[in-house]
Protein backbone atom coordinates (compact mmCIF):
# COMPACT_ATOMS: atom_id res chain seq x y z
CA UNK A 1 0.00 0.00 0.00
CA UNK A 2 2.90 2.37 0.82
CA UNK A 3 4.43 1.93 -2.59
CA UNK A 4 1.04 2.20 -4.25
CA UNK A 5 0.29 5.55 -2.59
CA UNK A 6 3.80 6.89 -3.20
CA UNK A 7 3.74 6.19 -6.87
CA UNK A 8 0.12 7.02 -7.28
CA UNK A 9 1.08 10.37 -5.94
CA UNK A 10 3.16 10.75 -8.99
CA UNK A 11 1.08 9.12 -11.73
CA UNK A 12 -0.98 10.52 -14.54
CA UNK A 13 -1.94 10.57 -18.17
CA UNK A 14 -2.62 14.16 -19.16
CA UNK A 15 -1.77 17.60 -17.85
CA UNK A 16 -4.55 20.14 -17.73
CA UNK A 17 -3.03 23.58 -17.40
CA UNK A 18 -4.53 26.66 -18.97
CA UNK A 19 -2.49 28.74 -21.32
CA UNK A 20 -3.09 32.24 -22.63
CA UNK A 21 -1.26 33.19 -25.83
CA UNK A 22 -1.58 36.88 -24.95
CA UNK A 23 0.59 36.61 -21.85
CA UNK A 24 2.86 33.56 -21.84
CA UNK A 25 5.00 35.12 -19.07
CA UNK A 26 2.32 34.21 -16.49
CA UNK A 27 2.06 30.55 -17.50
CA UNK A 28 3.75 28.23 -15.03
CA UNK A 29 5.62 25.20 -16.28
CA UNK A 30 4.53 21.76 -15.19
CA UNK A 31 7.62 21.51 -12.97
CA UNK A 32 6.76 24.81 -11.29
CA UNK A 33 3.19 23.67 -10.70
CA UNK A 34 4.36 20.39 -9.17
CA UNK A 35 6.73 22.01 -6.64
CA UNK A 36 5.31 22.21 -3.13
CA UNK A 37 3.49 20.08 -0.58
CA UNK A 38 0.56 17.95 -1.80
CA UNK A 39 -1.91 16.53 0.73
CA UNK A 40 -3.66 13.29 -0.19
CA UNK A 41 -7.39 13.83 -0.70
CA UNK A 42 -8.94 10.61 -2.00
CA UNK A 43 -8.48 7.86 -4.54
CA UNK A 44 -10.64 6.17 -7.07
CA UNK A 45 -11.04 4.17 -10.22
CA UNK A 46 -13.23 4.05 -13.28
CA UNK A 47 -15.99 1.45 -13.56
CA UNK A 48 -18.07 1.28 -16.74
CA UNK A 49 -17.07 4.85 -17.57
CA UNK A 50 -18.07 6.12 -14.14
CA UNK A 51 -15.63 7.59 -11.64
CA UNK A 52 -15.78 5.81 -8.26
CA UNK A 53 -14.24 7.82 -5.38
CA UNK A 54 -13.00 6.26 -2.15
CA UNK A 55 -12.26 8.47 0.86
CA UNK A 56 -9.31 7.84 3.18
CA UNK A 57 -9.59 7.26 6.92
CA UNK A 58 -8.10 9.68 9.47
CA UNK A 59 -4.72 7.93 9.49
CA UNK A 60 -4.26 7.53 5.72
CA UNK A 61 -5.37 11.13 5.11
CA UNK A 62 -2.23 12.37 6.90
CA UNK A 63 -0.18 11.28 3.87
CA UNK A 64 1.48 14.00 1.82
CA UNK A 65 4.28 14.34 -0.68
CA UNK A 66 6.51 17.36 -1.17
CA UNK A 67 8.33 18.07 -4.44
CA UNK A 68 11.30 20.40 -3.99
CA UNK A 69 12.89 22.76 -6.53
CA UNK A 70 16.15 20.81 -6.34
CA UNK A 71 14.33 17.73 -7.74
CA UNK A 72 14.13 15.88 -4.44
CA UNK A 73 10.91 14.66 -2.85
CA UNK A 74 9.72 13.72 0.62
CA UNK A 75 6.84 11.26 0.94
CA UNK A 76 5.23 11.52 4.39
CA UNK A 77 3.31 8.24 4.23
CA UNK A 78 0.73 7.01 6.76
CA UNK A 79 -1.29 3.79 6.67
CA UNK A 80 -3.66 2.09 9.05
CA UNK A 81 -6.54 3.20 11.20
CA UNK A 82 -9.69 1.48 12.36
CA UNK A 83 -8.57 -1.50 14.42
CA UNK A 84 -5.00 -1.21 13.11
CA UNK A 85 -2.41 1.22 14.48
CA UNK A 86 -1.52 4.22 12.34
CA UNK A 87 1.81 3.34 10.72
CA UNK A 88 4.18 6.15 9.64
CA UNK A 89 6.77 5.32 6.98
CA UNK A 90 8.40 8.37 5.36
CA UNK A 91 10.69 8.11 2.34
CA UNK A 92 12.65 10.47 0.17
CA UNK A 93 14.43 10.50 -3.13
CA UNK A 94 14.80 12.25 -6.46
CA UNK A 95 12.15 13.13 -9.04
CA UNK A 96 12.09 14.17 -12.68
CA UNK A 97 9.28 15.12 -15.02
CA UNK A 98 9.14 14.47 -18.76
CA UNK A 99 6.31 14.00 -21.24
CA UNK A 100 3.55 14.00 -18.60
CA UNK A 101 5.35 11.31 -16.64
CA UNK A 102 7.06 11.63 -13.32
CA UNK A 103 9.97 9.40 -12.37
CA UNK A 104 10.63 8.76 -8.68
CA UNK A 105 13.81 7.15 -7.39
CA UNK A 106 13.83 6.36 -3.67
CA UNK A 107 17.15 7.10 -1.91
CA UNK A 108 17.44 4.02 0.32
CA UNK A 109 16.46 1.40 -2.24
CA UNK A 110 17.11 3.06 -5.62
CA UNK A 111 13.71 1.67 -6.65
CA UNK A 112 12.44 3.67 -9.61
CA UNK A 113 8.83 4.12 -10.65
CA UNK A 114 7.43 6.00 -13.62
CA UNK A 115 3.86 7.25 -13.25
CA UNK A 116 1.51 9.40 -15.31
CA UNK A 117 0.09 12.77 -14.36
CA UNK A 118 -3.57 13.06 -15.29
CA UNK A 119 -4.36 16.48 -13.78
CA UNK A 120 -1.98 19.19 -12.64
CA UNK A 121 -3.11 22.71 -11.69
CA UNK A 122 -1.99 25.12 -8.97
CA UNK A 123 -4.17 23.32 -6.42
CA UNK A 124 -4.97 19.86 -7.84
CA UNK A 125 -2.86 16.85 -8.72
CA UNK A 126 -4.19 13.54 -9.98
CA UNK A 127 -1.81 10.68 -10.49
CA UNK A 128 -3.01 7.55 -12.21
CA UNK A 129 -1.67 4.11 -12.87
CA UNK A 130 -1.60 2.66 -16.34
CA UNK A 131 -3.30 -0.54 -15.27
CA UNK A 132 -6.64 -1.84 -16.48
CA UNK A 133 -8.52 -0.60 -13.41
CA UNK A 134 -7.79 3.06 -14.08
CA UNK A 135 -6.75 3.64 -10.45
CA UNK A 136 -5.92 7.24 -9.48
CA UNK A 137 -5.08 9.32 -6.41
CA UNK A 138 -6.09 12.97 -5.93
CA UNK A 139 -3.99 15.50 -4.01
CA UNK A 140 -4.56 19.11 -3.08
CA UNK A 141 -2.07 21.85 -2.35
C-alpha atoms as a PDB file:
ATOM      1  CA  UNK A   1       0.000   0.000   0.000  1.00  0.00           C
ATOM      2  CA  UNK A   2       2.901   2.367   0.824  1.00  0.00           C
ATOM      3  CA  UNK A   3       4.433   1.933  -2.585  1.00  0.00           C
ATOM      4  CA  UNK A   4       1.035   2.204  -4.253  1.00  0.00           C
ATOM      5  CA  UNK A   5       0.289   5.549  -2.592  1.00  0.00           C
ATOM      6  CA  UNK A   6       3.800   6.895  -3.199  1.00  0.00           C
ATOM      7  CA  UNK A   7       3.743   6.194  -6.865  1.00  0.00           C
ATOM      8  CA  UNK A   8       0.117   7.022  -7.278  1.00  0.00           C
ATOM      9  CA  UNK A   9       1.076  10.372  -5.939  1.00  0.00           C
ATOM     10  CA  UNK A  10       3.163  10.753  -8.994  1.00  0.00           C
ATOM     11  CA  UNK A  11       1.076   9.125 -11.729  1.00  0.00           C
ATOM     12  CA  UNK A  12      -0.978  10.521 -14.540  1.00  0.00           C
ATOM     13  CA  UNK A  13      -1.944  10.566 -18.172  1.00  0.00           C
ATOM     14  CA  UNK A  14      -2.617  14.160 -19.157  1.00  0.00           C
ATOM     15  CA  UNK A  15      -1.774  17.596 -17.851  1.00  0.00           C
ATOM     16  CA  UNK A  16      -4.547  20.138 -17.725  1.00  0.00           C
ATOM     17  CA  UNK A  17      -3.029  23.575 -17.405  1.00  0.00           C
ATOM     18  CA  UNK A  18      -4.531  26.655 -18.968  1.00  0.00           C
ATOM     19  CA  UNK A  19      -2.485  28.739 -21.323  1.00  0.00           C
ATOM     20  CA  UNK A  20      -3.088  32.236 -22.633  1.00  0.00           C
ATOM     21  CA  UNK A  21      -1.259  33.188 -25.827  1.00  0.00           C
ATOM     22  CA  UNK A  22      -1.583  36.876 -24.947  1.00  0.00           C
ATOM     23  CA  UNK A  23       0.588  36.611 -21.847  1.00  0.00           C
ATOM     24  CA  UNK A  24       2.865  33.561 -21.835  1.00  0.00           C
ATOM     25  CA  UNK A  25       5.001  35.116 -19.071  1.00  0.00           C
ATOM     26  CA  UNK A  26       2.317  34.214 -16.492  1.00  0.00           C
ATOM     27  CA  UNK A  27       2.058  30.548 -17.499  1.00  0.00           C
ATOM     28  CA  UNK A  28       3.748  28.234 -15.030  1.00  0.00           C
ATOM     29  CA  UNK A  29       5.625  25.203 -16.283  1.00  0.00           C
ATOM     30  CA  UNK A  30       4.533  21.756 -15.187  1.00  0.00           C
ATOM     31  CA  UNK A  31       7.621  21.513 -12.971  1.00  0.00           C
ATOM     32  CA  UNK A  32       6.764  24.811 -11.286  1.00  0.00           C
ATOM     33  CA  UNK A  33       3.186  23.675 -10.698  1.00  0.00           C
ATOM     34  CA  UNK A  34       4.364  20.394  -9.174  1.00  0.00           C
ATOM     35  CA  UNK A  35       6.725  22.007  -6.644  1.00  0.00           C
ATOM     36  CA  UNK A  36       5.307  22.211  -3.125  1.00  0.00           C
ATOM     37  CA  UNK A  37       3.488  20.078  -0.578  1.00  0.00           C
ATOM     38  CA  UNK A  38       0.561  17.952  -1.799  1.00  0.00           C
ATOM     39  CA  UNK A  39      -1.907  16.526   0.731  1.00  0.00           C
ATOM     40  CA  UNK A  40      -3.655  13.290  -0.190  1.00  0.00           C
ATOM     41  CA  UNK A  41      -7.393  13.832  -0.705  1.00  0.00           C
ATOM     42  CA  UNK A  42      -8.944  10.608  -2.002  1.00  0.00           C
ATOM     43  CA  UNK A  43      -8.475   7.856  -4.536  1.00  0.00           C
ATOM     44  CA  UNK A  44     -10.637   6.171  -7.067  1.00  0.00           C
ATOM     45  CA  UNK A  45     -11.038   4.172 -10.216  1.00  0.00           C
ATOM     46  CA  UNK A  46     -13.233   4.045 -13.284  1.00  0.00           C
ATOM     47  CA  UNK A  47     -15.987   1.451 -13.563  1.00  0.00           C
ATOM     48  CA  UNK A  48     -18.067   1.281 -16.742  1.00  0.00           C
ATOM     49  CA  UNK A  49     -17.070   4.846 -17.573  1.00  0.00           C
ATOM     50  CA  UNK A  50     -18.074   6.124 -14.139  1.00  0.00           C
ATOM     51  CA  UNK A  51     -15.631   7.591 -11.635  1.00  0.00           C
ATOM     52  CA  UNK A  52     -15.782   5.808  -8.255  1.00  0.00           C
ATOM     53  CA  UNK A  53     -14.243   7.821  -5.378  1.00  0.00           C
ATOM     54  CA  UNK A  54     -12.996   6.262  -2.146  1.00  0.00           C
ATOM     55  CA  UNK A  55     -12.256   8.471   0.856  1.00  0.00           C
ATOM     56  CA  UNK A  56      -9.306   7.841   3.176  1.00  0.00           C
ATOM     57  CA  UNK A  57      -9.593   7.263   6.921  1.00  0.00           C
ATOM     58  CA  UNK A  58      -8.097   9.684   9.471  1.00  0.00           C
ATOM     59  CA  UNK A  59      -4.719   7.929   9.486  1.00  0.00           C
ATOM     60  CA  UNK A  60      -4.264   7.532   5.720  1.00  0.00           C
ATOM     61  CA  UNK A  61      -5.370  11.125   5.110  1.00  0.00           C
ATOM     62  CA  UNK A  62      -2.225  12.370   6.902  1.00  0.00           C
ATOM     63  CA  UNK A  63      -0.184  11.281   3.867  1.00  0.00           C
ATOM     64  CA  UNK A  64       1.478  14.005   1.821  1.00  0.00           C
ATOM     65  CA  UNK A  65       4.285  14.336  -0.676  1.00  0.00           C
ATOM     66  CA  UNK A  66       6.510  17.361  -1.175  1.00  0.00           C
ATOM     67  CA  UNK A  67       8.327  18.068  -4.437  1.00  0.00           C
ATOM     68  CA  UNK A  68      11.300  20.397  -3.995  1.00  0.00           C
ATOM     69  CA  UNK A  69      12.887  22.761  -6.530  1.00  0.00           C
ATOM     70  CA  UNK A  70      16.155  20.808  -6.339  1.00  0.00           C
ATOM     71  CA  UNK A  71      14.330  17.729  -7.743  1.00  0.00           C
ATOM     72  CA  UNK A  72      14.126  15.875  -4.445  1.00  0.00           C
ATOM     73  CA  UNK A  73      10.912  14.664  -2.852  1.00  0.00           C
ATOM     74  CA  UNK A  74       9.722  13.716   0.622  1.00  0.00           C
ATOM     75  CA  UNK A  75       6.837  11.261   0.944  1.00  0.00           C
ATOM     76  CA  UNK A  76       5.232  11.522   4.394  1.00  0.00           C
ATOM     77  CA  UNK A  77       3.313   8.244   4.226  1.00  0.00           C
ATOM     78  CA  UNK A  78       0.727   7.007   6.755  1.00  0.00           C
ATOM     79  CA  UNK A  79      -1.290   3.793   6.668  1.00  0.00           C
ATOM     80  CA  UNK A  80      -3.664   2.087   9.055  1.00  0.00           C
ATOM     81  CA  UNK A  81      -6.545   3.198  11.200  1.00  0.00           C
ATOM     82  CA  UNK A  82      -9.688   1.478  12.356  1.00  0.00           C
ATOM     83  CA  UNK A  83      -8.575  -1.495  14.420  1.00  0.00           C
ATOM     84  CA  UNK A  84      -5.003  -1.208  13.114  1.00  0.00           C
ATOM     85  CA  UNK A  85      -2.413   1.219  14.480  1.00  0.00           C
ATOM     86  CA  UNK A  86      -1.520   4.224  12.336  1.00  0.00           C
ATOM     87  CA  UNK A  87       1.810   3.345  10.722  1.00  0.00           C
ATOM     88  CA  UNK A  88       4.184   6.154   9.637  1.00  0.00           C
ATOM     89  CA  UNK A  89       6.768   5.323   6.977  1.00  0.00           C
ATOM     90  CA  UNK A  90       8.401   8.368   5.360  1.00  0.00           C
ATOM     91  CA  UNK A  91      10.686   8.105   2.343  1.00  0.00           C
ATOM     92  CA  UNK A  92      12.649  10.467   0.169  1.00  0.00           C
ATOM     93  CA  UNK A  93      14.434  10.498  -3.131  1.00  0.00           C
ATOM     94  CA  UNK A  94      14.798  12.252  -6.459  1.00  0.00           C
ATOM     95  CA  UNK A  95      12.150  13.126  -9.037  1.00  0.00           C
ATOM     96  CA  UNK A  96      12.089  14.167 -12.679  1.00  0.00           C
ATOM     97  CA  UNK A  97       9.279  15.123 -15.023  1.00  0.00           C
ATOM     98  CA  UNK A  98       9.139  14.467 -18.756  1.00  0.00           C
ATOM     99  CA  UNK A  99       6.306  14.000 -21.240  1.00  0.00           C
ATOM    100  CA  UNK A 100       3.552  14.005 -18.600  1.00  0.00           C
ATOM    101  CA  UNK A 101       5.351  11.314 -16.644  1.00  0.00           C
ATOM    102  CA  UNK A 102       7.065  11.626 -13.324  1.00  0.00           C
ATOM    103  CA  UNK A 103       9.967   9.399 -12.373  1.00  0.00           C
ATOM    104  CA  UNK A 104      10.635   8.765  -8.677  1.00  0.00           C
ATOM    105  CA  UNK A 105      13.810   7.155  -7.395  1.00  0.00           C
ATOM    106  CA  UNK A 106      13.833   6.362  -3.674  1.00  0.00           C
ATOM    107  CA  UNK A 107      17.149   7.102  -1.914  1.00  0.00           C
ATOM    108  CA  UNK A 108      17.440   4.016   0.317  1.00  0.00           C
ATOM    109  CA  UNK A 109      16.461   1.396  -2.240  1.00  0.00           C
ATOM    110  CA  UNK A 110      17.107   3.056  -5.616  1.00  0.00           C
ATOM    111  CA  UNK A 111      13.715   1.673  -6.646  1.00  0.00           C
ATOM    112  CA  UNK A 112      12.443   3.667  -9.609  1.00  0.00           C
ATOM    113  CA  UNK A 113       8.834   4.116 -10.653  1.00  0.00           C
ATOM    114  CA  UNK A 114       7.427   6.000 -13.625  1.00  0.00           C
ATOM    115  CA  UNK A 115       3.862   7.247 -13.254  1.00  0.00           C
ATOM    116  CA  UNK A 116       1.513   9.401 -15.311  1.00  0.00           C
ATOM    117  CA  UNK A 117       0.092  12.774 -14.356  1.00  0.00           C
ATOM    118  CA  UNK A 118      -3.571  13.059 -15.288  1.00  0.00           C
ATOM    119  CA  UNK A 119      -4.363  16.477 -13.783  1.00  0.00           C
ATOM    120  CA  UNK A 120      -1.984  19.195 -12.635  1.00  0.00           C
ATOM    121  CA  UNK A 121      -3.107  22.707 -11.686  1.00  0.00           C
ATOM    122  CA  UNK A 122      -1.986  25.120  -8.974  1.00  0.00           C
ATOM    123  CA  UNK A 123      -4.168  23.321  -6.417  1.00  0.00           C
ATOM    124  CA  UNK A 124      -4.969  19.860  -7.838  1.00  0.00           C
ATOM    125  CA  UNK A 125      -2.859  16.854  -8.715  1.00  0.00           C
ATOM    126  CA  UNK A 126      -4.193  13.536  -9.975  1.00  0.00           C
ATOM    127  CA  UNK A 127      -1.808  10.677 -10.490  1.00  0.00           C
ATOM    128  CA  UNK A 128      -3.011   7.550 -12.211  1.00  0.00           C
ATOM    129  CA  UNK A 129      -1.673   4.106 -12.871  1.00  0.00           C
ATOM    130  CA  UNK A 130      -1.599   2.664 -16.343  1.00  0.00           C
ATOM    131  CA  UNK A 131      -3.298  -0.540 -15.265  1.00  0.00           C
ATOM    132  CA  UNK A 132      -6.642  -1.838 -16.481  1.00  0.00           C
ATOM    133  CA  UNK A 133      -8.519  -0.601 -13.407  1.00  0.00           C
ATOM    134  CA  UNK A 134      -7.785   3.063 -14.083  1.00  0.00           C
ATOM    135  CA  UNK A 135      -6.748   3.644 -10.453  1.00  0.00           C
ATOM    136  CA  UNK A 136      -5.916   7.238  -9.483  1.00  0.00           C
ATOM    137  CA  UNK A 137      -5.078   9.324  -6.411  1.00  0.00           C
ATOM    138  CA  UNK A 138      -6.092  12.966  -5.935  1.00  0.00           C
ATOM    139  CA  UNK A 139      -3.989  15.495  -4.014  1.00  0.00           C
ATOM    140  CA  UNK A 140      -4.556  19.112  -3.080  1.00  0.00           C
ATOM    141  CA  UNK A 141      -2.066  21.854  -2.350  1.00  0.00           C
END
